[in-house]
Each structure stands twice: as C-alpha cells, then as structure tokens.
N, C-alpha and C. Protein backbone atom coordinates (compact mmCIF):
# COMPACT_ATOMS: atom_id res chain seq x y z
N MET A 1 91.07 -45.04 45.26
CA MET A 1 89.96 -44.97 44.33
C MET A 1 88.96 -43.87 44.70
N LYS A 2 88.81 -43.61 45.99
CA LYS A 2 87.82 -42.62 46.42
C LYS A 2 88.32 -41.20 46.22
N ALA A 3 89.62 -40.96 46.28
CA ALA A 3 90.17 -39.60 46.16
C ALA A 3 89.81 -38.95 44.83
N PRO A 4 90.02 -39.62 43.67
CA PRO A 4 89.64 -38.96 42.40
C PRO A 4 88.14 -38.66 42.33
N TYR A 5 87.32 -39.55 42.88
CA TYR A 5 85.88 -39.32 42.88
C TYR A 5 85.54 -38.09 43.72
N LEU A 6 86.17 -37.97 44.90
CA LEU A 6 85.93 -36.83 45.77
C LEU A 6 86.39 -35.53 45.13
N ILE A 7 87.57 -35.57 44.51
CA ILE A 7 88.09 -34.38 43.85
C ILE A 7 87.18 -33.97 42.70
N GLY A 8 86.74 -34.94 41.90
CA GLY A 8 85.82 -34.66 40.79
C GLY A 8 84.51 -34.08 41.28
N SER A 9 83.99 -34.63 42.37
CA SER A 9 82.74 -34.13 42.94
C SER A 9 82.91 -32.71 43.47
N LEU A 10 84.04 -32.46 44.12
CA LEU A 10 84.32 -31.13 44.65
C LEU A 10 84.43 -30.11 43.52
N VAL A 11 85.16 -30.46 42.47
CA VAL A 11 85.31 -29.55 41.32
C VAL A 11 83.94 -29.29 40.69
N SER A 12 83.14 -30.33 40.53
CA SER A 12 81.79 -30.15 39.96
C SER A 12 80.94 -29.25 40.84
N PHE A 13 81.00 -29.45 42.16
CA PHE A 13 80.24 -28.63 43.09
C PHE A 13 80.66 -27.16 42.98
N ILE A 14 81.95 -26.89 42.94
CA ILE A 14 82.46 -25.52 42.82
C ILE A 14 82.01 -24.89 41.51
N MET A 15 82.07 -25.64 40.42
CA MET A 15 81.65 -25.10 39.12
C MET A 15 80.16 -24.78 39.12
N ILE A 16 79.35 -25.68 39.66
CA ILE A 16 77.90 -25.45 39.70
C ILE A 16 77.58 -24.26 40.60
N THR A 17 78.19 -24.21 41.77
CA THR A 17 77.96 -23.11 42.70
C THR A 17 78.36 -21.78 42.07
N THR A 18 79.51 -21.75 41.42
CA THR A 18 79.98 -20.54 40.77
C THR A 18 79.02 -20.12 39.67
N PHE A 19 78.56 -21.08 38.87
CA PHE A 19 77.63 -20.77 37.78
C PHE A 19 76.36 -20.12 38.32
N PHE A 20 75.76 -20.72 39.34
CA PHE A 20 74.50 -20.20 39.83
C PHE A 20 74.66 -18.93 40.64
N SER A 21 75.78 -18.76 41.31
CA SER A 21 75.97 -17.53 42.08
C SER A 21 76.26 -16.34 41.16
N CYS A 22 76.65 -16.60 39.92
CA CYS A 22 76.98 -15.53 38.98
C CYS A 22 75.82 -15.23 38.04
N ARG A 23 74.66 -15.83 38.28
CA ARG A 23 73.51 -15.56 37.41
C ARG A 23 73.26 -14.07 37.36
N THR A 24 72.97 -13.59 36.19
CA THR A 24 72.70 -12.16 36.06
C THR A 24 71.24 -11.86 35.74
N ILE A 25 70.41 -12.92 35.57
CA ILE A 25 69.01 -12.72 35.24
C ILE A 25 68.17 -13.79 35.94
N PRO A 26 67.00 -13.43 36.46
CA PRO A 26 66.17 -14.44 37.14
C PRO A 26 65.67 -15.52 36.20
N ASP A 27 65.45 -16.71 36.73
CA ASP A 27 64.83 -17.78 35.95
C ASP A 27 63.49 -17.29 35.42
N GLY A 28 63.20 -17.61 34.17
CA GLY A 28 61.94 -17.22 33.56
C GLY A 28 61.97 -15.86 32.88
N ALA A 29 63.00 -15.07 33.14
CA ALA A 29 63.13 -13.75 32.50
C ALA A 29 64.00 -13.88 31.26
N THR A 30 63.69 -13.08 30.27
CA THR A 30 64.48 -13.05 29.03
C THR A 30 64.80 -11.60 28.71
N ALA A 31 66.06 -11.33 28.48
CA ALA A 31 66.47 -9.97 28.12
C ALA A 31 66.03 -9.64 26.71
N VAL A 32 65.78 -8.36 26.48
CA VAL A 32 65.34 -7.86 25.17
C VAL A 32 66.40 -8.15 24.11
N GLU A 33 65.94 -8.62 22.97
CA GLU A 33 66.81 -8.84 21.82
C GLU A 33 65.99 -8.60 20.57
N PRO A 34 66.37 -7.73 19.68
CA PRO A 34 67.60 -6.95 19.68
C PRO A 34 67.51 -5.77 20.66
N PHE A 35 68.65 -5.40 21.20
CA PHE A 35 68.78 -4.28 22.12
C PHE A 35 69.82 -3.32 21.56
N GLU A 36 69.47 -2.02 21.54
CA GLU A 36 70.39 -1.01 21.02
C GLU A 36 70.87 -0.13 22.17
N LYS A 37 72.08 -0.42 22.62
CA LYS A 37 72.66 0.27 23.77
C LYS A 37 72.63 1.79 23.59
N GLU A 38 72.95 2.27 22.40
CA GLU A 38 73.01 3.72 22.16
C GLU A 38 71.65 4.38 22.33
N ARG A 39 70.58 3.69 21.96
CA ARG A 39 69.23 4.25 22.12
C ARG A 39 68.79 4.26 23.58
N TYR A 40 69.40 3.41 24.40
CA TYR A 40 69.05 3.33 25.81
C TYR A 40 69.70 4.45 26.63
N LEU A 41 70.75 5.04 26.09
CA LEU A 41 71.46 6.11 26.80
C LEU A 41 70.53 7.30 27.05
N GLY A 42 70.90 8.13 28.02
CA GLY A 42 70.11 9.31 28.35
C GLY A 42 69.47 9.17 29.71
N LYS A 43 68.51 10.02 29.96
CA LYS A 43 67.88 10.10 31.29
C LYS A 43 66.61 9.27 31.36
N TRP A 44 66.47 8.52 32.46
CA TRP A 44 65.28 7.73 32.75
C TRP A 44 64.77 8.11 34.14
N TYR A 45 63.46 8.16 34.28
CA TYR A 45 62.82 8.38 35.57
C TYR A 45 62.38 7.02 36.11
N GLU A 46 62.64 6.80 37.38
CA GLU A 46 62.18 5.59 38.03
C GLU A 46 60.70 5.80 38.36
N VAL A 47 59.85 4.98 37.79
CA VAL A 47 58.41 5.08 38.03
C VAL A 47 58.01 4.16 39.17
N ALA A 48 58.60 2.97 39.20
CA ALA A 48 58.32 2.00 40.26
C ALA A 48 59.55 1.14 40.49
N ARG A 49 59.63 0.59 41.72
CA ARG A 49 60.73 -0.34 42.03
C ARG A 49 60.33 -1.21 43.20
N LEU A 50 60.99 -2.33 43.31
CA LEU A 50 60.93 -3.11 44.54
C LEU A 50 61.90 -2.46 45.50
N ASP A 51 61.48 -2.34 46.75
CA ASP A 51 62.34 -1.69 47.74
C ASP A 51 63.65 -2.45 47.86
N ASN A 52 64.73 -1.72 47.96
CA ASN A 52 66.04 -2.32 48.14
C ASN A 52 66.88 -1.39 49.00
N ARG A 53 67.89 -1.94 49.63
CA ARG A 53 68.67 -1.15 50.60
C ARG A 53 69.40 0.02 49.97
N PHE A 54 69.70 -0.06 48.69
CA PHE A 54 70.44 1.01 48.04
C PHE A 54 69.59 2.24 47.77
N GLU A 55 68.26 2.05 47.70
CA GLU A 55 67.37 3.16 47.38
C GLU A 55 66.33 3.42 48.47
N ARG A 56 66.52 2.83 49.62
CA ARG A 56 65.54 2.98 50.70
C ARG A 56 65.32 4.46 51.02
N ASN A 57 64.08 4.85 51.17
CA ASN A 57 63.65 6.22 51.51
C ASN A 57 63.92 7.25 50.41
N MET A 58 64.10 6.79 49.17
CA MET A 58 64.39 7.71 48.07
C MET A 58 63.14 7.92 47.21
N ASN A 59 62.94 9.16 46.80
CA ASN A 59 61.96 9.46 45.76
C ASN A 59 62.64 10.37 44.74
N ASN A 60 61.91 10.78 43.72
CA ASN A 60 62.48 11.64 42.67
C ASN A 60 63.73 10.99 42.05
N VAL A 61 63.73 9.68 41.90
CA VAL A 61 64.91 8.96 41.46
C VAL A 61 65.02 8.96 39.93
N THR A 62 66.22 9.28 39.47
CA THR A 62 66.52 9.21 38.03
C THR A 62 67.80 8.42 37.83
N ALA A 63 67.96 7.92 36.63
CA ALA A 63 69.20 7.26 36.22
C ALA A 63 69.59 7.86 34.88
N GLU A 64 70.84 8.23 34.77
CA GLU A 64 71.33 8.80 33.51
C GLU A 64 72.50 7.96 33.02
N TYR A 65 72.40 7.55 31.75
CA TYR A 65 73.38 6.67 31.15
C TYR A 65 74.09 7.41 30.01
N SER A 66 75.42 7.33 30.00
CA SER A 66 76.20 7.92 28.91
C SER A 66 77.36 6.98 28.60
N LEU A 67 77.86 7.08 27.40
CA LEU A 67 78.92 6.18 26.94
C LEU A 67 80.29 6.69 27.37
N ASN A 68 81.08 5.81 27.98
CA ASN A 68 82.47 6.11 28.31
C ASN A 68 83.34 5.84 27.08
N ASP A 69 84.54 6.40 27.07
CA ASP A 69 85.46 6.22 25.95
C ASP A 69 85.80 4.75 25.70
N ASP A 70 85.80 3.93 26.75
CA ASP A 70 86.17 2.52 26.60
C ASP A 70 84.99 1.62 26.21
N GLY A 71 83.83 2.22 25.93
CA GLY A 71 82.67 1.45 25.51
C GLY A 71 81.76 1.03 26.65
N THR A 72 82.22 1.22 27.89
CA THR A 72 81.34 0.95 29.03
C THR A 72 80.35 2.11 29.16
N ILE A 73 79.41 1.95 30.03
CA ILE A 73 78.38 2.96 30.22
C ILE A 73 78.53 3.59 31.59
N LYS A 74 78.58 4.91 31.62
CA LYS A 74 78.58 5.64 32.90
C LYS A 74 77.14 5.68 33.39
N VAL A 75 76.94 5.35 34.66
CA VAL A 75 75.61 5.34 35.27
C VAL A 75 75.62 6.35 36.42
N VAL A 76 74.70 7.31 36.37
CA VAL A 76 74.57 8.28 37.46
C VAL A 76 73.13 8.19 37.97
N ASN A 77 73.00 7.68 39.19
CA ASN A 77 71.69 7.59 39.84
C ASN A 77 71.57 8.75 40.83
N ARG A 78 70.42 9.43 40.78
CA ARG A 78 70.16 10.55 41.68
C ARG A 78 68.79 10.35 42.31
N GLY A 79 68.66 10.81 43.54
CA GLY A 79 67.37 10.75 44.20
C GLY A 79 67.37 11.58 45.46
N TYR A 80 66.18 11.84 45.93
CA TYR A 80 66.02 12.65 47.13
C TYR A 80 65.76 11.72 48.31
N ASP A 81 66.65 11.77 49.30
CA ASP A 81 66.51 10.95 50.51
C ASP A 81 65.53 11.67 51.44
N THR A 82 64.37 11.07 51.63
CA THR A 82 63.31 11.72 52.41
C THR A 82 63.63 11.77 53.90
N LEU A 83 64.48 10.87 54.40
CA LEU A 83 64.86 10.92 55.82
C LEU A 83 65.92 11.96 56.08
N LYS A 84 66.92 12.04 55.21
CA LYS A 84 68.01 13.00 55.37
C LYS A 84 67.62 14.39 54.90
N GLY A 85 66.58 14.45 54.04
CA GLY A 85 66.16 15.74 53.50
C GLY A 85 67.17 16.33 52.54
N GLN A 86 67.83 15.47 51.77
CA GLN A 86 68.84 15.97 50.83
C GLN A 86 68.95 15.04 49.61
N TRP A 87 69.52 15.61 48.56
CA TRP A 87 69.76 14.86 47.34
C TRP A 87 70.98 13.96 47.52
N GLU A 88 70.90 12.77 46.94
CA GLU A 88 72.01 11.81 46.96
C GLU A 88 72.32 11.43 45.51
N GLN A 89 73.56 11.07 45.28
CA GLN A 89 73.98 10.66 43.94
C GLN A 89 74.99 9.53 44.05
N ALA A 90 74.86 8.55 43.16
CA ALA A 90 75.82 7.45 43.07
C ALA A 90 76.23 7.30 41.62
N THR A 91 77.52 7.17 41.39
CA THR A 91 78.04 7.00 40.03
C THR A 91 78.65 5.62 39.91
N GLY A 92 78.29 4.94 38.84
CA GLY A 92 78.79 3.60 38.61
C GLY A 92 79.12 3.37 37.16
N LYS A 93 79.33 2.10 36.84
CA LYS A 93 79.70 1.72 35.48
C LYS A 93 78.94 0.46 35.11
N ALA A 94 78.51 0.41 33.87
CA ALA A 94 77.83 -0.79 33.35
C ALA A 94 78.59 -1.28 32.13
N LYS A 95 78.52 -2.58 31.93
CA LYS A 95 79.09 -3.16 30.72
C LYS A 95 78.19 -4.29 30.25
N VAL A 96 78.28 -4.58 28.99
CA VAL A 96 77.47 -5.62 28.39
C VAL A 96 77.87 -6.95 29.02
N ALA A 97 76.87 -7.77 29.37
CA ALA A 97 77.14 -9.05 30.03
C ALA A 97 77.45 -10.17 29.05
N GLY A 98 77.30 -9.91 27.78
CA GLY A 98 77.56 -10.95 26.78
C GLY A 98 77.51 -10.35 25.39
N ASN A 99 76.44 -10.63 24.69
CA ASN A 99 76.24 -10.16 23.32
C ASN A 99 75.75 -8.71 23.34
N ASP A 100 76.38 -7.84 22.55
CA ASP A 100 75.98 -6.42 22.46
C ASP A 100 74.54 -6.24 22.03
N ASN A 101 73.97 -7.24 21.39
CA ASN A 101 72.63 -7.16 20.83
C ASN A 101 71.54 -7.57 21.83
N VAL A 102 71.94 -7.92 23.05
CA VAL A 102 71.00 -8.39 24.07
C VAL A 102 71.02 -7.41 25.25
N GLY A 103 69.87 -7.15 25.83
CA GLY A 103 69.73 -6.18 26.92
C GLY A 103 70.18 -6.70 28.28
N MET A 104 71.29 -7.43 28.30
CA MET A 104 71.86 -7.91 29.56
C MET A 104 73.13 -7.14 29.86
N LEU A 105 73.09 -6.39 30.97
CA LEU A 105 74.25 -5.62 31.39
C LEU A 105 74.65 -6.06 32.80
N LYS A 106 75.85 -5.67 33.17
CA LYS A 106 76.32 -5.82 34.54
C LYS A 106 76.67 -4.42 35.02
N VAL A 107 76.20 -4.07 36.22
CA VAL A 107 76.40 -2.73 36.76
C VAL A 107 77.17 -2.81 38.07
N SER A 108 78.09 -1.86 38.25
CA SER A 108 78.85 -1.80 39.49
C SER A 108 78.89 -0.38 40.03
N PHE A 109 78.60 -0.25 41.30
CA PHE A 109 78.79 1.00 42.02
C PHE A 109 79.87 0.83 43.09
N PHE A 110 80.36 -0.41 43.22
CA PHE A 110 81.31 -0.74 44.28
C PHE A 110 82.50 -1.50 43.72
N GLY A 111 83.36 -0.81 43.00
CA GLY A 111 84.59 -1.42 42.52
C GLY A 111 84.38 -2.62 41.62
N PRO A 112 84.98 -3.74 41.98
CA PRO A 112 84.96 -4.90 41.08
C PRO A 112 83.68 -5.73 41.17
N PHE A 113 82.73 -5.36 42.01
CA PHE A 113 81.53 -6.16 42.22
C PHE A 113 80.42 -5.71 41.28
N TYR A 114 79.97 -6.62 40.43
CA TYR A 114 78.93 -6.31 39.45
C TYR A 114 77.66 -7.09 39.76
N SER A 115 76.54 -6.50 39.38
CA SER A 115 75.24 -7.14 39.56
C SER A 115 74.47 -7.07 38.25
N GLY A 116 73.59 -8.01 38.05
CA GLY A 116 72.81 -8.07 36.82
C GLY A 116 71.85 -6.90 36.67
N TYR A 117 71.77 -6.39 35.46
CA TYR A 117 70.85 -5.32 35.08
C TYR A 117 70.32 -5.74 33.72
N ASN A 118 69.06 -6.17 33.69
CA ASN A 118 68.51 -6.80 32.50
C ASN A 118 67.27 -6.08 32.01
N VAL A 119 67.34 -5.54 30.82
CA VAL A 119 66.17 -4.91 30.21
C VAL A 119 65.32 -6.05 29.66
N ILE A 120 64.17 -6.30 30.31
CA ILE A 120 63.34 -7.44 29.91
C ILE A 120 62.12 -7.02 29.11
N ALA A 121 61.88 -5.73 29.01
CA ALA A 121 60.83 -5.20 28.13
C ALA A 121 61.16 -3.74 27.83
N ILE A 122 60.93 -3.36 26.59
CA ILE A 122 61.15 -1.97 26.18
C ILE A 122 60.26 -1.70 24.98
N ASP A 123 59.71 -0.51 24.90
CA ASP A 123 58.87 -0.18 23.75
C ASP A 123 59.76 0.14 22.56
N GLU A 124 59.19 0.17 21.37
CA GLU A 124 59.99 0.36 20.15
C GLU A 124 60.65 1.72 20.07
N ASP A 125 60.14 2.71 20.80
CA ASP A 125 60.73 4.05 20.78
C ASP A 125 61.70 4.30 21.94
N TYR A 126 61.95 3.28 22.74
CA TYR A 126 62.85 3.39 23.90
C TYR A 126 62.42 4.51 24.85
N GLN A 127 61.12 4.51 25.16
CA GLN A 127 60.56 5.48 26.10
C GLN A 127 60.20 4.86 27.45
N TYR A 128 59.97 3.54 27.48
CA TYR A 128 59.56 2.84 28.69
C TYR A 128 60.32 1.53 28.77
N ALA A 129 60.79 1.19 29.97
CA ALA A 129 61.57 -0.04 30.12
C ALA A 129 61.20 -0.76 31.41
N LEU A 130 61.25 -2.07 31.35
CA LEU A 130 61.11 -2.93 32.52
C LEU A 130 62.46 -3.59 32.73
N VAL A 131 63.02 -3.40 33.93
CA VAL A 131 64.38 -3.86 34.20
C VAL A 131 64.38 -4.81 35.39
N ALA A 132 64.99 -5.96 35.19
CA ALA A 132 65.13 -6.96 36.25
C ALA A 132 66.57 -6.98 36.74
N GLY A 133 66.73 -7.20 38.02
CA GLY A 133 68.07 -7.41 38.56
C GLY A 133 68.46 -8.85 38.34
N ASN A 134 69.36 -9.36 39.18
CA ASN A 134 69.80 -10.74 39.02
C ASN A 134 68.92 -11.74 39.77
N SER A 135 67.94 -11.23 40.50
CA SER A 135 67.02 -12.11 41.24
C SER A 135 65.65 -11.43 41.32
N LEU A 136 64.71 -12.12 41.93
CA LEU A 136 63.37 -11.57 42.08
C LEU A 136 63.28 -10.49 43.15
N LYS A 137 64.41 -10.09 43.71
CA LYS A 137 64.45 -9.01 44.69
C LYS A 137 64.54 -7.63 44.04
N TYR A 138 64.90 -7.60 42.77
CA TYR A 138 65.17 -6.32 42.11
C TYR A 138 64.36 -6.18 40.83
N LEU A 139 63.57 -5.10 40.76
CA LEU A 139 62.75 -4.82 39.59
C LEU A 139 62.50 -3.32 39.53
N TRP A 140 62.57 -2.77 38.32
CA TRP A 140 62.31 -1.34 38.11
C TRP A 140 61.44 -1.15 36.88
N ILE A 141 60.56 -0.16 36.94
CA ILE A 141 59.85 0.33 35.77
C ILE A 141 60.37 1.73 35.53
N LEU A 142 60.89 1.96 34.33
CA LEU A 142 61.50 3.25 33.99
C LEU A 142 60.76 3.91 32.84
N SER A 143 60.86 5.24 32.80
CA SER A 143 60.22 6.01 31.74
C SER A 143 61.08 7.24 31.43
N ARG A 144 60.98 7.71 30.22
CA ARG A 144 61.67 8.96 29.87
C ARG A 144 60.95 10.17 30.47
N ARG A 145 59.72 9.95 30.93
CA ARG A 145 58.93 10.99 31.61
C ARG A 145 58.66 10.51 33.04
N THR A 146 58.04 11.34 33.84
CA THR A 146 57.81 10.99 35.25
C THR A 146 56.63 10.03 35.46
N SER A 147 55.97 9.65 34.39
CA SER A 147 54.84 8.72 34.50
C SER A 147 54.89 7.75 33.32
N ILE A 148 53.97 6.81 33.34
CA ILE A 148 53.92 5.78 32.31
C ILE A 148 52.45 5.55 31.93
N PRO A 149 52.16 5.38 30.64
CA PRO A 149 50.76 5.13 30.25
C PRO A 149 50.22 3.84 30.89
N GLU A 150 48.96 3.84 31.18
CA GLU A 150 48.32 2.71 31.86
C GLU A 150 48.49 1.40 31.09
N GLU A 151 48.42 1.43 29.76
CA GLU A 151 48.54 0.17 29.00
C GLU A 151 49.96 -0.41 29.08
N ILE A 152 50.96 0.45 29.11
CA ILE A 152 52.34 -0.01 29.27
C ILE A 152 52.53 -0.55 30.68
N LYS A 153 52.02 0.17 31.65
CA LYS A 153 52.10 -0.27 33.05
C LYS A 153 51.49 -1.66 33.21
N SER A 154 50.30 -1.87 32.68
CA SER A 154 49.62 -3.17 32.78
C SER A 154 50.42 -4.27 32.10
N GLU A 155 50.96 -3.96 30.93
CA GLU A 155 51.77 -4.95 30.20
C GLU A 155 53.01 -5.34 31.00
N TYR A 156 53.71 -4.35 31.55
CA TYR A 156 54.93 -4.63 32.30
C TYR A 156 54.65 -5.37 33.60
N LEU A 157 53.55 -5.02 34.26
CA LEU A 157 53.18 -5.73 35.48
C LEU A 157 52.88 -7.20 35.18
N LYS A 158 52.22 -7.46 34.08
CA LYS A 158 51.90 -8.85 33.68
C LYS A 158 53.18 -9.63 33.39
N ILE A 159 54.11 -9.02 32.67
CA ILE A 159 55.40 -9.68 32.38
C ILE A 159 56.10 -10.03 33.69
N ALA A 160 56.16 -9.07 34.60
CA ALA A 160 56.85 -9.28 35.88
C ALA A 160 56.16 -10.38 36.70
N GLU A 161 54.84 -10.35 36.76
CA GLU A 161 54.10 -11.37 37.50
C GLU A 161 54.32 -12.76 36.92
N ASP A 162 54.35 -12.86 35.60
CA ASP A 162 54.56 -14.16 34.95
C ASP A 162 55.94 -14.73 35.28
N ILE A 163 56.91 -13.88 35.52
CA ILE A 163 58.26 -14.33 35.90
C ILE A 163 58.29 -14.77 37.36
N GLY A 164 57.41 -14.18 38.17
CA GLY A 164 57.37 -14.53 39.59
C GLY A 164 57.55 -13.36 40.53
N TYR A 165 57.63 -12.15 40.00
CA TYR A 165 57.76 -10.97 40.86
C TYR A 165 56.46 -10.72 41.61
N LYS A 166 56.57 -10.22 42.83
CA LYS A 166 55.42 -9.81 43.63
C LYS A 166 55.18 -8.33 43.35
N THR A 167 54.42 -8.05 42.31
CA THR A 167 54.23 -6.66 41.87
C THR A 167 53.43 -5.84 42.88
N GLU A 168 52.70 -6.50 43.77
CA GLU A 168 51.98 -5.75 44.80
C GLU A 168 52.95 -5.08 45.77
N ASP A 169 54.21 -5.50 45.76
CA ASP A 169 55.23 -4.90 46.63
C ASP A 169 55.96 -3.72 45.98
N LEU A 170 55.61 -3.41 44.75
CA LEU A 170 56.28 -2.28 44.07
C LEU A 170 55.99 -0.97 44.79
N LEU A 171 57.01 -0.13 44.87
CA LEU A 171 56.86 1.24 45.35
C LEU A 171 56.69 2.13 44.13
N TRP A 172 55.69 3.00 44.15
CA TRP A 172 55.45 3.91 43.03
C TRP A 172 56.09 5.24 43.40
N ILE A 173 57.06 5.65 42.63
CA ILE A 173 57.95 6.76 42.96
C ILE A 173 57.35 8.10 42.54
N THR A 174 57.48 9.07 43.44
CA THR A 174 57.00 10.42 43.13
C THR A 174 58.14 11.25 42.53
N HIS A 175 57.76 12.19 41.70
CA HIS A 175 58.71 13.12 41.08
C HIS A 175 58.13 14.52 41.21
N HIS A 176 58.23 15.06 42.41
CA HIS A 176 57.63 16.37 42.68
C HIS A 176 58.65 17.41 43.14
N ARG A 177 59.87 17.02 43.26
CA ARG A 177 60.90 17.89 43.81
C ARG A 177 61.92 18.20 42.72
N LYS A 178 62.26 19.45 42.56
CA LYS A 178 63.28 19.87 41.59
C LYS A 178 64.65 19.88 42.26
N ARG A 179 65.61 19.30 41.58
CA ARG A 179 66.98 19.30 42.10
C ARG A 179 67.58 20.69 41.98
N GLU A 180 68.16 21.16 43.05
CA GLU A 180 68.80 22.48 43.04
C GLU A 180 70.22 22.37 42.51
N GLY A 181 70.64 23.39 41.81
CA GLY A 181 72.04 23.45 41.35
C GLY A 181 72.35 22.76 40.13
C-alpha cells in the first residue's frame, strides 16, 4: 500500500521541481502583451543592468537582434572588457517561450541551455525596454540610444522595485568607447 503512495509523491515532487526550475520569469513580473518581435529587432544599448558573471567588468555593451531563417532570433552581444582592455562578443540564439504575441523569450549562448529573457516594459515606439531574466538576479534597461529619458528611467525603476528588484544595485553603463573595425 505504501509503494504507490511513495511513487505518486515522488512523481509529484519531480513535476513540481521541474516546473519551478524551468520558470522563465520572476514572480510578480508580467511580460509585455502585445509584443511585436519584428519591431524589437535591431540594435539596443545597455543603459543599466544588475551585475552578473557574464558581463562582469563590461561597459559600452550593446545587443543586436536579427531574424534567423528558421524564425529564431540571432543575438549578438558586444562590450568592452575594462580588465582585459579589449572588445568581447558573444553570439547566441533566442526563441519565443510560448505565444508569439507575448514578450517572453528564451535565450541561449551555451548550446542547449536556455534562460528566460522577458520584456516587461516597452514604450509604444520600441525605443526603451525593461528586461527581466528568469529571477531577480537579472535585470536590464535598454535603449536605442546610449541614454534614456528621466521619466522612462523613473517608470522602469518603479516597475522593477514593485516586482522586488534591488534597483540600488543597478550598474549604469557608459558608452564612451568606439569599437574599432
């Protein structure tokens, strides 16, 4: 009698663990809807971010998105590593995490491993975006220019704080170096 109960409990535990470990958006965050993937393509400047190991010591960071033939999105991140004194580049792939009409994507720079990339705020002209990762460890403020208007900045900081982000920990990125070549 105990074996079926144990097996059922184990299966339930595995399903719950899998569900929560695969979350692509933090609790309290909502991805933009409607979201137009084609309008999001192009070059974005990183204005602010929470520090993370993938971008540590980087400034002048940009992300460029273009459509691949298979409908996925090519992602090219570039930045200047201030410790190495050189430009770095990483190329990855993004795909829609569910509905094409929602700003929830999954991004991979390392083969089959994907992480949440969620557009949680964007202006109507697709000039400024607030992007959440899959947890409160990852947050970016992006702009089509190297800066962002104060009213947009204040709005995005409020949205992030309401979700639970520690916006006082944001790094404000400089864009003063021109990429050679």
